[in-house]
Protein backbone atom coordinates (compact mmCIF):
# COMPACT_ATOMS: atom_id res chain seq x y z
CA MET A 1 -81.96 -1.04 -8.14
CA PRO A 2 -84.24 -3.59 -9.92
CA ARG A 3 -84.50 -6.94 -8.16
CA LYS A 4 -83.41 -8.82 -11.29
CA ILE A 5 -80.03 -6.97 -11.47
CA LEU A 6 -79.38 -7.42 -7.74
CA THR A 7 -80.08 -11.14 -8.05
CA PHE A 8 -77.63 -11.35 -10.95
CA ILE A 9 -74.83 -9.61 -9.01
CA ILE A 10 -75.27 -11.80 -5.95
CA GLY A 11 -75.24 -14.92 -8.11
CA PHE A 12 -72.07 -13.78 -9.92
CA VAL A 13 -70.27 -13.12 -6.60
CA LEU A 14 -71.26 -16.53 -5.29
CA PHE A 15 -69.99 -18.07 -8.50
CA LEU A 16 -66.59 -16.35 -8.10
CA LEU A 17 -66.34 -17.48 -4.50
CA ALA A 18 -67.12 -21.03 -5.48
CA ILE A 19 -64.25 -20.98 -7.97
CA ALA A 20 -61.66 -18.86 -6.06
CA GLY A 21 -62.16 -20.47 -2.66
CA PRO A 22 -60.80 -23.90 -3.54
CA LEU A 23 -57.99 -22.31 -5.59
CA PHE A 24 -56.98 -20.16 -2.60
CA LEU A 25 -56.89 -23.21 -0.32
CA VAL A 26 -54.76 -25.13 -2.83
CA LYS A 27 -52.22 -22.30 -3.19
CA THR A 28 -52.06 -21.80 0.57
CA ARG A 29 -51.20 -25.46 1.05
CA GLN A 30 -48.59 -25.29 -1.72
CA PHE A 31 -46.86 -22.27 -0.17
CA ALA A 32 -46.90 -23.94 3.24
CA ALA A 33 -45.33 -27.06 1.75
CA MET A 34 -42.67 -24.99 0.00
CA GLY A 35 -41.84 -23.18 3.24
CA ALA A 36 -41.57 -26.44 5.12
CA ALA A 37 -39.33 -27.88 2.40
CA GLY A 38 -37.12 -24.78 2.55
CA GLU A 39 -36.79 -25.03 6.32
CA ALA A 40 -36.00 -28.73 6.05
CA MET A 41 -33.39 -28.01 3.37
CA ALA A 42 -31.81 -25.25 5.46
CA ALA A 43 -31.80 -27.53 8.49
CA ASN A 44 -30.13 -30.32 6.55
CA MET A 45 -27.55 -28.13 4.72
CA PRO A 46 -23.97 -28.64 5.93
CA PRO A 47 -22.33 -25.66 7.67
CA THR A 48 -20.19 -23.30 5.58
CA VAL A 49 -16.45 -23.92 5.98
CA VAL A 50 -14.53 -20.78 6.99
CA THR A 51 -11.10 -19.84 8.28
CA ALA A 52 -10.91 -18.11 11.65
CA ALA A 53 -8.45 -16.16 13.78
CA PRO A 54 -8.71 -14.90 17.36
CA ALA A 55 -8.54 -11.24 18.32
CA LYS A 56 -5.12 -11.16 20.00
CA PRO A 57 -3.78 -8.49 22.34
CA ASP A 58 -0.30 -7.29 21.41
CA SER A 59 2.11 -4.44 21.93
CA TRP A 60 3.23 -2.36 18.94
CA SER A 61 6.20 -0.06 19.03
CA ASN A 62 5.38 3.55 18.22
CA SER A 63 7.20 5.08 15.30
CA LEU A 64 7.31 8.18 13.14
CA GLY A 65 7.76 7.82 9.40
CA ALA A 66 9.33 10.30 7.03
CA PRO A 67 11.08 10.39 3.65
CA GLY A 68 14.79 11.03 3.83
CA SER A 69 17.88 11.62 1.74
CA LEU A 70 21.22 9.89 2.24
CA ASP A 71 24.40 11.90 2.55
CA ALA A 72 28.04 10.94 3.08
CA VAL A 73 29.62 11.52 6.49
CA GLN A 74 32.65 12.73 4.53
CA GLY A 75 32.60 13.43 0.82
CA VAL A 76 34.82 15.55 -1.41
CA THR A 77 35.94 15.90 -5.01
CA VAL A 78 39.68 15.30 -4.97
CA ALA A 79 41.32 18.03 -7.08
CA ALA A 80 44.78 19.24 -8.05
CA GLU A 81 46.37 21.86 -5.78
CA MET A 82 49.20 22.59 -8.17
CA PRO A 83 49.38 22.59 -11.97
CA GLY A 84 51.36 19.82 -13.58
CA LYS A 85 51.50 16.81 -15.86
CA ILE A 86 50.19 13.43 -14.70
CA VAL A 87 52.97 10.85 -14.77
CA LYS A 88 51.29 8.15 -12.65
CA LEU A 89 47.71 7.09 -11.90
CA ALA A 90 47.70 4.95 -8.77
CA PHE A 91 43.97 4.20 -8.40
CA GLU A 92 41.07 2.49 -10.15
CA ALA A 93 37.60 3.95 -10.49
CA GLY A 94 35.31 2.76 -7.69
CA ALA A 95 38.16 1.40 -5.55
CA ALA A 96 38.27 1.58 -1.77
CA VAL A 97 41.23 3.57 -0.47
CA LYS A 98 42.70 4.45 2.89
CA ALA A 99 43.74 7.84 4.16
CA GLY A 100 47.15 8.78 2.73
CA ASP A 101 47.09 6.45 -0.27
CA VAL A 102 48.67 7.99 -3.39
CA LEU A 103 46.09 8.63 -6.10
CA VAL A 104 47.94 10.73 -8.70
CA GLN A 105 51.57 11.67 -9.14
CA LEU A 106 52.39 14.84 -11.09
CA ASP A 107 55.72 15.51 -12.72
CA ILE A 108 58.17 16.68 -10.04
CA SER A 109 61.48 16.36 -11.92
CA THR A 110 62.08 20.12 -11.87
CA GLU A 111 61.26 20.40 -8.18
CA GLU A 112 63.53 17.46 -7.33
CA ALA A 113 66.46 19.22 -9.03
CA GLN A 114 65.66 22.45 -7.24
CA LEU A 115 65.42 20.53 -3.96
CA ARG A 116 68.91 19.08 -4.39
CA ALA A 117 70.32 22.56 -4.94
CA ALA A 118 68.38 23.96 -1.98
CA GLU A 119 69.55 21.13 0.28
CA ALA A 120 73.17 21.79 -0.77
CA ASN A 121 72.76 25.48 0.06
CA ALA A 122 71.16 24.56 3.38
CA ALA A 123 74.05 22.22 4.22
CA LEU A 124 76.60 24.94 3.35
CA ALA A 125 74.71 27.50 5.43
CA LYS A 126 74.58 25.08 8.36
CA ALA A 127 78.34 24.46 8.14
CA ASN A 128 79.04 28.22 7.97
CA LEU A 129 76.85 28.70 11.06
CA ALA A 130 78.84 26.07 12.96
CA ARG A 131 82.16 27.78 12.08
CA ALA A 132 80.73 31.16 13.02
CA LYS A 133 79.77 29.81 16.44
CA ASP A 134 83.30 28.42 16.96
CA LEU A 135 84.87 31.73 15.94
CA ARG A 136 82.52 33.62 18.22
CA GLN A 137 83.61 31.58 21.21
CA SER A 138 87.20 32.71 20.57
CA ASN A 139 86.05 36.29 19.90
CA THR A 140 87.45 36.07 16.38
CA ASN A 141 84.28 37.33 14.66
CA SER A 142 81.61 39.79 15.58
CA LEU A 143 78.12 39.11 16.93
CA SER A 144 76.56 40.54 13.76
CA GLU A 145 78.47 38.02 11.64
CA LEU A 146 77.08 35.20 13.80
CA ASP A 147 73.55 36.56 13.41
CA ALA A 148 73.97 36.78 9.64
CA SER A 149 75.14 33.14 9.52
CA GLU A 150 72.11 32.03 11.54
CA ALA A 151 69.75 33.94 9.21
CA GLN A 152 71.37 32.46 6.10
CA ALA A 153 71.04 28.92 7.55
CA LYS A 154 67.34 29.43 8.37
CA GLN A 155 66.69 30.97 4.95
CA ALA A 156 68.35 28.06 3.13
CA GLU A 157 66.38 25.50 5.16
CA ALA A 158 63.12 27.39 4.48
CA GLN A 159 63.80 27.34 0.75
CA ALA A 160 64.32 23.58 0.88
CA GLU A 161 61.07 23.14 2.89
CA ALA A 162 59.13 25.22 0.34
CA ILE A 163 60.28 22.93 -2.48
CA ARG A 164 59.39 19.84 -0.42
CA ALA A 165 55.89 21.30 0.08
CA VAL A 166 55.48 21.76 -3.68
CA ILE A 167 56.56 18.14 -4.22
CA ALA A 168 54.08 16.97 -1.57
CA LYS A 169 51.24 18.91 -3.22
CA LYS A 170 52.06 17.32 -6.56
CA THR A 171 51.71 13.91 -4.92
CA ILE A 172 47.93 13.78 -4.58
CA ARG A 173 46.77 11.50 -1.75
CA ALA A 174 43.40 10.39 -0.33
CA PRO A 175 42.48 12.80 2.49
CA PHE A 176 40.45 10.11 4.30
CA SER A 177 39.37 6.50 3.91
CA GLY A 178 36.45 5.82 1.59
CA ARG A 179 35.41 4.75 -1.89
CA LEU A 180 36.41 6.57 -5.05
CA GLY A 181 34.05 7.52 -7.84
CA LEU A 182 34.67 7.60 -11.56
CA ARG A 183 38.08 8.73 -12.80
CA MET A 184 38.02 12.18 -14.41
CA VAL A 185 41.64 12.35 -15.61
CA ASN A 186 44.03 10.40 -17.83
CA LEU A 187 47.73 9.61 -17.84
CA GLY A 188 49.75 12.41 -19.43
CA GLN A 189 47.05 15.01 -18.94
CA ILE A 190 48.09 18.54 -17.96
CA LEU A 191 46.17 19.59 -14.87
CA ARG A 192 45.46 23.12 -13.79
CA GLU A 193 44.95 24.16 -10.23
CA GLY A 194 41.51 22.96 -9.06
CA ASP A 195 40.89 20.45 -11.84
CA PRO A 196 38.79 17.51 -10.46
CA ILE A 197 40.32 14.04 -10.33
CA ALA A 198 37.69 11.81 -8.68
CA THR A 199 35.06 11.92 -5.96
CA LEU A 200 35.75 10.28 -2.60
CA GLN A 201 32.93 9.27 -0.23
CA THR A 202 32.85 7.62 3.18
CA LEU A 203 30.03 5.04 2.95
CA ASP A 204 30.12 3.39 6.37
CA PRO A 205 28.61 4.93 8.36
CA ILE A 206 26.32 7.19 6.31
CA TYR A 207 24.00 10.07 7.18
CA VAL A 208 20.27 10.24 6.49
CA ASN A 209 18.63 13.67 6.60
CA PHE A 210 14.86 13.97 7.03
CA SER A 211 12.20 16.37 8.31
CA LEU A 212 9.33 15.96 10.77
CA PRO A 213 6.44 18.30 11.73
CA GLN A 214 7.21 20.71 14.55
CA GLN A 215 4.65 19.06 16.87
CA ARG A 216 6.87 15.94 16.92
CA LEU A 217 9.82 17.83 18.40
CA ALA A 218 8.98 16.79 21.98
CA LEU A 219 9.26 13.12 20.96
CA LEU A 220 12.74 13.47 19.47
CA ALA A 221 16.07 13.23 21.23
CA VAL A 222 19.68 12.61 20.25
CA GLY A 223 20.32 8.88 20.48
CA THR A 224 16.78 7.82 19.51
CA ALA A 225 16.87 4.67 17.37
CA VAL A 226 15.86 4.80 13.70
CA GLN A 227 15.49 2.31 10.86
CA VAL A 228 16.08 3.09 7.22
CA SER A 229 14.83 1.18 4.20
CA SER A 230 15.40 1.79 0.51
CA ASP A 231 14.12 0.32 -2.72
CA ALA A 232 17.78 -0.16 -3.65
CA ALA A 233 17.95 -2.85 -0.94
CA PRO A 234 14.44 -4.34 -0.77
CA GLY A 235 13.66 -6.18 2.44
CA ASP A 236 16.69 -4.81 4.33
CA LYS A 237 16.47 -2.61 7.42
CA PHE A 238 19.44 -0.43 8.32
CA PRO A 239 19.63 0.55 12.02
CA GLY A 240 20.99 3.83 13.29
CA LYS A 241 20.56 6.63 15.80
CA ILE A 242 19.73 10.32 15.66
CA ASN A 243 22.94 12.30 16.00
CA ALA A 244 21.70 15.87 15.45
CA ILE A 245 18.48 17.89 15.58
CA SER A 246 18.39 21.29 13.92
CA PRO A 247 18.01 24.17 16.42
CA GLU A 248 15.62 26.03 14.11
CA ILE A 249 12.26 25.30 12.47
CA ASP A 250 11.77 25.88 8.76
CA ALA A 251 9.59 29.00 8.57
CA THR A 252 7.94 27.85 5.33
CA THR A 253 7.06 24.23 6.09
CA ARG A 254 7.12 24.39 9.94
CA ASN A 255 9.23 21.22 9.87
CA ILE A 256 12.32 20.42 11.88
CA ARG A 257 15.35 18.89 10.19
CA VAL A 258 16.87 15.78 11.75
CA GLN A 259 20.04 13.84 10.95
CA ALA A 260 20.77 10.23 11.87
CA THR A 261 23.86 8.07 11.45
CA ILE A 262 23.20 4.70 9.79
CA ALA A 263 25.37 1.58 9.73
CA ASN A 264 26.18 0.63 6.13
CA ARG A 265 28.69 -2.21 6.35
CA ASP A 266 27.78 -3.75 3.00
CA GLU A 267 27.69 -0.32 1.33
CA LYS A 268 24.22 -0.93 -0.09
CA LEU A 269 23.27 2.67 0.66
CA ARG A 270 24.85 5.46 -1.35
CA PRO A 271 24.85 9.27 -0.97
CA GLY A 272 22.01 10.94 -2.84
CA MET A 273 19.62 8.01 -2.50
CA TYR A 274 16.01 8.42 -1.41
CA ALA A 275 15.16 6.44 1.73
CA SER A 276 12.24 5.80 4.07
CA VAL A 277 13.03 6.63 7.69
CA GLU A 278 11.24 5.17 10.71
CA VAL A 279 11.95 6.78 14.08
CA LEU A 280 11.43 4.16 16.81
CA LEU A 281 9.96 5.84 19.87
CA PRO A 282 10.67 4.30 23.30
CA THR A 283 6.97 3.91 24.25
CA ASP A 284 4.73 1.03 23.02
CA THR A 285 0.98 0.93 22.29
CA LYS A 286 -1.32 -1.86 23.48
CA VAL A 287 -3.46 -3.16 20.60
CA LEU A 288 -6.09 -5.81 19.85
CA MET A 289 -5.17 -7.09 16.43
CA ILE A 290 -7.01 -9.13 13.80
CA PRO A 291 -6.10 -9.91 10.18
CA VAL A 292 -7.08 -7.13 7.78
CA THR A 293 -8.80 -9.78 5.63
CA ALA A 294 -11.33 -10.28 8.45
CA VAL A 295 -12.80 -6.79 8.01
CA LEU A 296 -15.86 -6.20 5.84
CA TYR A 297 -15.43 -2.59 4.75
CA ALA A 298 -18.58 -0.62 3.99
CA PRO A 299 -19.57 3.07 3.73
CA TYR A 300 -21.92 2.82 6.70
CA GLY A 301 -19.35 1.16 8.96
CA ASP A 302 -16.73 -1.58 9.10
CA SER A 303 -17.70 -4.94 10.56
CA VAL A 304 -16.44 -8.46 11.25
CA PHE A 305 -18.17 -11.81 11.59
CA VAL A 306 -17.75 -13.21 15.09
CA ILE A 307 -18.14 -16.99 15.50
CA ASP A 308 -20.44 -17.80 18.45
CA GLU A 309 -21.56 -21.17 19.80
CA LYS A 310 -25.33 -21.61 19.83
CA LYS A 311 -27.50 -24.57 20.92
CA ASP A 312 -30.18 -25.71 18.48
CA GLU A 313 -33.54 -25.83 20.32
CA LYS A 314 -34.87 -28.69 18.18
CA SER A 315 -31.87 -31.00 17.90
CA GLY A 316 -30.04 -29.91 21.03
CA LYS A 317 -26.74 -29.78 19.13
CA VAL A 318 -24.25 -26.96 19.66
CA GLN A 319 -23.51 -25.12 16.43
CA GLN A 320 -21.13 -22.38 15.45
CA VAL A 321 -23.04 -19.46 13.97
CA LEU A 322 -22.04 -16.04 12.70
CA ARG A 323 -22.74 -12.73 14.36
CA GLN A 324 -22.01 -9.53 12.46
CA GLN A 325 -20.23 -7.08 14.74
CA PHE A 326 -19.49 -3.48 13.83
CA VAL A 327 -16.02 -2.37 14.91
CA ARG A 328 -13.86 0.73 15.06
CA LEU A 329 -10.41 0.34 13.55
CA GLY A 330 -7.10 1.94 14.41
CA ALA A 331 -3.68 1.74 12.79
CA ALA A 332 -2.68 -1.11 10.50
CA ARG A 333 0.66 -2.87 10.53
CA GLY A 334 1.64 -5.54 8.06
CA ASP A 335 -1.26 -7.97 7.61
CA PHE A 336 -2.97 -6.89 10.85
CA VAL A 337 -5.19 -4.02 11.97
CA ASN A 338 -5.86 -2.71 15.46
CA VAL A 339 -9.48 -2.90 16.68
CA THR A 340 -10.11 -0.04 19.11
CA ASP A 341 -13.78 -0.82 19.83
CA GLY A 342 -16.31 -3.60 19.22
CA LEU A 343 -14.30 -6.75 19.97
CA LYS A 344 -12.96 -8.55 23.02
CA ALA A 345 -9.69 -10.41 23.29
CA GLY A 346 -10.04 -14.08 22.39
CA GLU A 347 -13.16 -13.75 20.23
CA ASN A 348 -12.87 -15.74 16.99
CA VAL A 349 -13.56 -13.87 13.76
CA VAL A 350 -13.78 -15.16 10.20
CA SER A 351 -10.43 -14.30 8.61
CA SER A 352 -11.22 -14.59 4.89
CA GLY A 353 -14.09 -14.53 2.41
CA VAL A 354 -16.26 -12.29 4.60
CA PHE A 355 -18.03 -10.69 1.63
CA LYS A 356 -20.06 -13.88 0.97
CA LEU A 357 -21.29 -14.42 4.55
CA ARG A 358 -24.45 -13.33 6.35
CA PRO A 359 -25.46 -13.21 10.02
CA GLY A 360 -26.88 -16.41 11.49
CA MET A 361 -25.08 -18.78 9.10
CA ALA A 362 -23.84 -22.06 10.54
CA VAL A 363 -20.13 -22.48 9.96
CA ALA A 364 -17.32 -24.95 10.54
CA ILE A 365 -13.73 -23.81 11.10
CA ASP A 366 -10.96 -25.23 8.92
CA ASN A 367 -7.67 -23.30 8.97
CA LYS A 368 -5.73 -25.56 6.61
CA LEU A 369 -5.91 -22.90 3.88
CA ALA A 370 -5.91 -19.88 6.19
CA PRO A 371 -3.79 -16.93 4.95
CA ASP A 372 -0.50 -16.56 6.82
CA ALA A 373 -0.79 -13.09 8.34
CA LYS A 374 2.45 -11.45 9.53
CA LEU A 375 3.36 -8.16 11.14
CA ALA A 376 6.31 -7.73 8.77
CA PRO A 377 5.45 -9.57 5.55
CA LYS A 378 8.08 -10.04 2.88
CA PRO A 379 6.35 -10.82 -0.42
CA LYS A 380 8.30 -13.10 -2.73
CA ASN A 381 8.70 -12.51 -6.44
CA SER A 382 6.36 -14.69 -8.43
């Protein structure tokens, strides 16, 4: 390479170094100043205010949930046994009745007349039997005549009883206590045998029928407590007990059918309703619960922010700082979730706004606006 070109290159490099060197030093000092300012700002920033809740040990009752259907303990459609004309309606639709109350009276004028004639014949036959017995004691009549008198007396009484039975069947009564449905007949209507009059249902107590998987059979027993809820009575829980377990498993679904008797004093539950059934098992589960709002859900794992006390090496002050802790979650109940791994009882976790936090942040606890977590929340209508 010619000496002149080499000299030019060396001079150009020295020129660049003379210009870039001071610029590099200036920028390095600027970046250092910016870093120091950032550290000073971070050191002087007030701690972030958070709400906190401790991880509390508790005991949750075990339960099995299933959809169910309500059914009346006793329910029938009251119908006419005998044909006839309605002359009296003695009930109102939807009324509560007691066993034996008269609901409908059919026309019995013909039967009453027949009954009077039958009773007269029965009285005559009874008197003839008494005379036949007196004559037999004096050997005035034969034994066959006495037997004929006894047969005639029994036959006359049976005819009278048959007419009384027809009259009783035309007086339609409630077969048991319960609540009537809508009226299906009108005054003056001619009823045929079997025509419906009204439905009658016993509402307290009431049955709930539901199914559970066959592997739950060992946990079930007659007398096990249950709770029933329905959207027809929001917020209400209806207690009861299992009264029957089917002896066979459904071959299609492999489920076992269960029936429970539920108290229904206010008659809020009605036959045919859908209901949610909770079977309360006698054993409880030990849990470590935190509010569900404390969990930061993520595809790679769920975590919480634990509040630890840490001493600042420069100032010597004790600060509360965040530590992100991955956890394993179990069942949820109400506003709480069970932590099966990752937390210890008594550790404080941030209970709200966890999506905006990061590990190492300094925080201050203020629970004035903390959400009110409950095991059995009852949201109010807004």
